N, C-alpha and C. Protein backbone atom coordinates (compact mmCIF):
# COMPACT_ATOMS: atom_id res chain seq x y z
N UNK A 1 0.85 -1.19 0.00
CA UNK A 1 0.00 0.00 0.00
C UNK A 1 0.89 1.24 0.00
N UNK A 2 0.51 2.23 -0.72
CA UNK A 2 1.29 3.46 -0.84
C UNK A 2 1.38 4.18 0.50
N UNK A 3 2.59 4.65 0.83
CA UNK A 3 2.77 5.43 2.04
C UNK A 3 3.07 4.61 3.28
N UNK A 4 3.00 3.30 3.20
CA UNK A 4 3.31 2.50 4.37
C UNK A 4 4.81 2.43 4.61
N UNK A 5 5.19 2.49 5.86
CA UNK A 5 6.59 2.33 6.23
C UNK A 5 6.65 1.47 7.47
N UNK A 6 7.83 0.94 7.73
CA UNK A 6 8.03 0.11 8.90
C UNK A 6 9.00 0.81 9.84
N UNK A 7 8.61 0.91 11.09
CA UNK A 7 9.48 1.44 12.14
C UNK A 7 9.75 0.29 13.10
N UNK A 8 11.02 0.07 13.44
CA UNK A 8 11.37 -0.97 14.40
C UNK A 8 11.84 -0.27 15.67
N UNK A 9 11.26 -0.69 16.80
CA UNK A 9 11.63 -0.09 18.07
C UNK A 9 12.06 -1.17 19.06
N UNK A 10 12.80 -0.74 20.07
CA UNK A 10 13.24 -1.62 21.14
C UNK A 10 12.39 -1.34 22.38
N UNK A 11 11.92 -2.41 23.02
CA UNK A 11 11.06 -2.28 24.21
C UNK A 11 11.62 -3.17 25.31
N UNK A 12 11.78 -2.60 26.49
CA UNK A 12 12.31 -3.34 27.63
C UNK A 12 11.16 -3.73 28.56
N UNK A 13 11.26 -4.92 29.13
CA UNK A 13 10.30 -5.34 30.14
C UNK A 13 9.32 -6.41 29.69
N UNK A 14 9.31 -6.74 28.40
CA UNK A 14 8.40 -7.80 27.93
C UNK A 14 9.00 -9.15 28.29
N UNK A 15 8.19 -9.97 28.98
CA UNK A 15 8.71 -11.25 29.45
C UNK A 15 7.95 -12.46 28.88
N UNK A 16 6.72 -12.21 28.39
CA UNK A 16 5.89 -13.34 27.97
C UNK A 16 4.94 -12.89 26.85
N UNK A 17 4.16 -13.82 26.35
CA UNK A 17 3.20 -13.51 25.28
C UNK A 17 2.15 -12.52 25.74
N UNK A 18 1.80 -12.56 27.01
CA UNK A 18 0.83 -11.61 27.55
C UNK A 18 1.40 -10.18 27.46
N UNK A 19 2.67 -10.02 27.81
CA UNK A 19 3.34 -8.72 27.71
C UNK A 19 3.35 -8.26 26.25
N UNK A 20 3.71 -9.16 25.37
CA UNK A 20 3.77 -8.84 23.94
C UNK A 20 2.41 -8.38 23.43
N UNK A 21 1.35 -9.02 23.88
CA UNK A 21 0.00 -8.66 23.46
C UNK A 21 -0.36 -7.25 23.95
N UNK A 22 0.06 -6.90 25.16
CA UNK A 22 -0.20 -5.55 25.69
C UNK A 22 0.48 -4.49 24.84
N UNK A 23 1.74 -4.73 24.49
CA UNK A 23 2.50 -3.77 23.69
C UNK A 23 1.88 -3.66 22.29
N UNK A 24 1.56 -4.79 21.69
CA UNK A 24 0.95 -4.80 20.36
C UNK A 24 -0.35 -4.00 20.36
N UNK A 25 -1.20 -4.24 21.33
CA UNK A 25 -2.48 -3.56 21.42
C UNK A 25 -2.29 -2.04 21.61
N UNK A 26 -1.37 -1.64 22.46
CA UNK A 26 -1.12 -0.22 22.71
C UNK A 26 -0.65 0.48 21.44
N UNK A 27 0.23 -0.16 20.69
CA UNK A 27 0.76 0.47 19.48
C UNK A 27 -0.27 0.50 18.36
N UNK A 28 -1.09 -0.53 18.26
CA UNK A 28 -2.09 -0.57 17.19
C UNK A 28 -3.23 0.42 17.42
N UNK A 29 -3.33 0.99 18.60
CA UNK A 29 -4.32 2.03 18.88
C UNK A 29 -3.88 3.39 18.35
N UNK A 30 -2.59 3.54 18.05
CA UNK A 30 -2.07 4.83 17.58
C UNK A 30 -2.58 5.14 16.17
N UNK A 31 -2.88 6.39 15.94
CA UNK A 31 -3.37 6.83 14.64
C UNK A 31 -2.33 6.56 13.56
N UNK A 32 -2.76 5.93 12.47
CA UNK A 32 -1.88 5.65 11.35
C UNK A 32 -1.22 4.29 11.39
N UNK A 33 -1.29 3.60 12.54
CA UNK A 33 -0.65 2.28 12.67
C UNK A 33 -1.61 1.21 12.18
N UNK A 34 -1.16 0.42 11.21
CA UNK A 34 -2.00 -0.65 10.68
C UNK A 34 -1.69 -2.00 11.31
N UNK A 35 -0.46 -2.17 11.82
CA UNK A 35 -0.09 -3.44 12.44
C UNK A 35 1.17 -3.25 13.28
N UNK A 36 1.29 -4.10 14.29
CA UNK A 36 2.50 -4.15 15.12
C UNK A 36 2.84 -5.62 15.33
N UNK A 37 4.09 -5.98 15.07
CA UNK A 37 4.53 -7.37 15.23
C UNK A 37 5.65 -7.40 16.27
N UNK A 38 5.42 -8.13 17.35
CA UNK A 38 6.36 -8.18 18.46
C UNK A 38 7.31 -9.36 18.30
N UNK A 39 8.60 -9.08 18.46
CA UNK A 39 9.64 -10.11 18.52
C UNK A 39 10.06 -10.19 19.99
N UNK A 40 9.42 -11.08 20.72
CA UNK A 40 9.62 -11.18 22.16
C UNK A 40 11.05 -11.56 22.53
N UNK A 41 11.66 -12.45 21.77
CA UNK A 41 13.02 -12.91 22.06
C UNK A 41 14.02 -11.77 21.99
N UNK A 42 13.91 -10.93 20.96
CA UNK A 42 14.86 -9.83 20.77
C UNK A 42 14.38 -8.50 21.33
N UNK A 43 13.19 -8.51 21.96
CA UNK A 43 12.62 -7.30 22.59
C UNK A 43 12.45 -6.16 21.60
N UNK A 44 11.95 -6.50 20.39
CA UNK A 44 11.74 -5.52 19.34
C UNK A 44 10.29 -5.58 18.86
N UNK A 45 9.84 -4.45 18.29
CA UNK A 45 8.51 -4.40 17.70
C UNK A 45 8.62 -3.71 16.35
N UNK A 46 8.08 -4.34 15.31
CA UNK A 46 8.02 -3.73 13.98
C UNK A 46 6.61 -3.17 13.81
N UNK A 47 6.55 -1.89 13.49
CA UNK A 47 5.27 -1.20 13.36
C UNK A 47 5.06 -0.78 11.91
N UNK A 48 3.92 -1.15 11.33
CA UNK A 48 3.54 -0.69 9.99
C UNK A 48 2.69 0.56 10.18
N UNK A 49 3.11 1.65 9.53
CA UNK A 49 2.41 2.91 9.71
C UNK A 49 2.40 3.74 8.44
N UNK A 50 1.40 4.59 8.33
CA UNK A 50 1.30 5.51 7.19
C UNK A 50 1.89 6.87 7.56
N UNK A 51 2.16 7.08 8.84
CA UNK A 51 2.66 8.37 9.31
C UNK A 51 3.98 8.19 10.04
N UNK A 52 4.68 9.28 10.23
CA UNK A 52 5.91 9.25 11.00
C UNK A 52 5.54 9.40 12.47
N UNK A 53 5.93 8.46 13.28
CA UNK A 53 5.60 8.50 14.70
C UNK A 53 6.79 9.03 15.48
N UNK A 54 6.56 10.04 16.30
CA UNK A 54 7.65 10.62 17.09
C UNK A 54 8.02 9.70 18.24
N UNK A 55 9.23 9.90 18.75
CA UNK A 55 9.67 9.14 19.92
C UNK A 55 8.72 9.37 21.10
N UNK A 56 8.25 10.60 21.25
CA UNK A 56 7.35 10.94 22.35
C UNK A 56 6.06 10.13 22.28
N UNK A 57 5.47 10.04 21.09
CA UNK A 57 4.22 9.29 20.92
C UNK A 57 4.44 7.81 21.21
N UNK A 58 5.53 7.27 20.69
CA UNK A 58 5.83 5.85 20.91
C UNK A 58 6.11 5.59 22.39
N UNK A 59 6.88 6.47 23.02
CA UNK A 59 7.20 6.30 24.44
C UNK A 59 5.94 6.35 25.30
N UNK A 60 5.02 7.25 25.00
CA UNK A 60 3.77 7.35 25.76
C UNK A 60 2.94 6.08 25.63
N UNK A 61 2.87 5.53 24.43
CA UNK A 61 2.09 4.31 24.21
C UNK A 61 2.71 3.13 24.96
N UNK A 62 4.03 3.00 24.86
CA UNK A 62 4.73 1.88 25.51
C UNK A 62 4.68 2.01 27.03
N UNK A 63 4.98 3.21 27.55
CA UNK A 63 4.97 3.38 29.01
C UNK A 63 3.55 3.26 29.56
N UNK A 64 2.55 3.68 28.77
CA UNK A 64 1.16 3.52 29.18
C UNK A 64 0.75 2.06 29.32
N UNK A 65 1.43 1.20 28.56
CA UNK A 65 1.16 -0.25 28.63
C UNK A 65 1.98 -0.90 29.74
N UNK A 66 2.90 -0.12 30.35
CA UNK A 66 3.68 -0.65 31.47
C UNK A 66 5.08 -1.12 31.13
N UNK A 67 5.61 -0.68 29.98
CA UNK A 67 6.93 -1.12 29.55
C UNK A 67 7.81 0.08 29.23
N UNK A 68 9.08 -0.18 28.95
CA UNK A 68 10.03 0.92 28.73
C UNK A 68 10.43 0.99 27.26
N UNK A 69 10.19 2.15 26.68
CA UNK A 69 10.57 2.43 25.29
C UNK A 69 12.06 2.74 25.26
N UNK A 70 12.81 1.99 24.44
CA UNK A 70 14.26 2.15 24.37
C UNK A 70 14.73 2.86 23.10
N UNK A 71 13.79 3.20 22.22
CA UNK A 71 14.15 3.95 21.02
C UNK A 71 13.95 3.18 19.73
N UNK A 72 14.06 3.96 18.64
CA UNK A 72 13.95 3.40 17.30
C UNK A 72 15.26 2.70 16.94
N UNK A 73 15.15 1.66 16.14
CA UNK A 73 16.32 0.93 15.66
C UNK A 73 16.47 1.23 14.17
N UNK A 74 17.67 1.66 13.79
CA UNK A 74 17.91 2.03 12.39
C UNK A 74 17.93 0.81 11.50
C-alpha cells in the first residue's frame, strides 16, 4: 500500500506472550498504525504505519502499557 513504512523499536520489560499482546495492542491504537509485530526474544517491535511517529508518541504508548521504550532501531 502506498505510504506504508516500517518502524522498528526496542522495548524493555516484555517477558511473555501476555506482555507482547499488551505492547501490540497499545501500538495498534495509535493513529496511522495498521499493524505491530512483536519479537519477544529480541525485545523488538516492527510497526507498519502511514505516518511518521515521534519518539514521544511511541514512548507514551509503551509506558502507558507498562513497559520501557528504548528507542527506534535504524
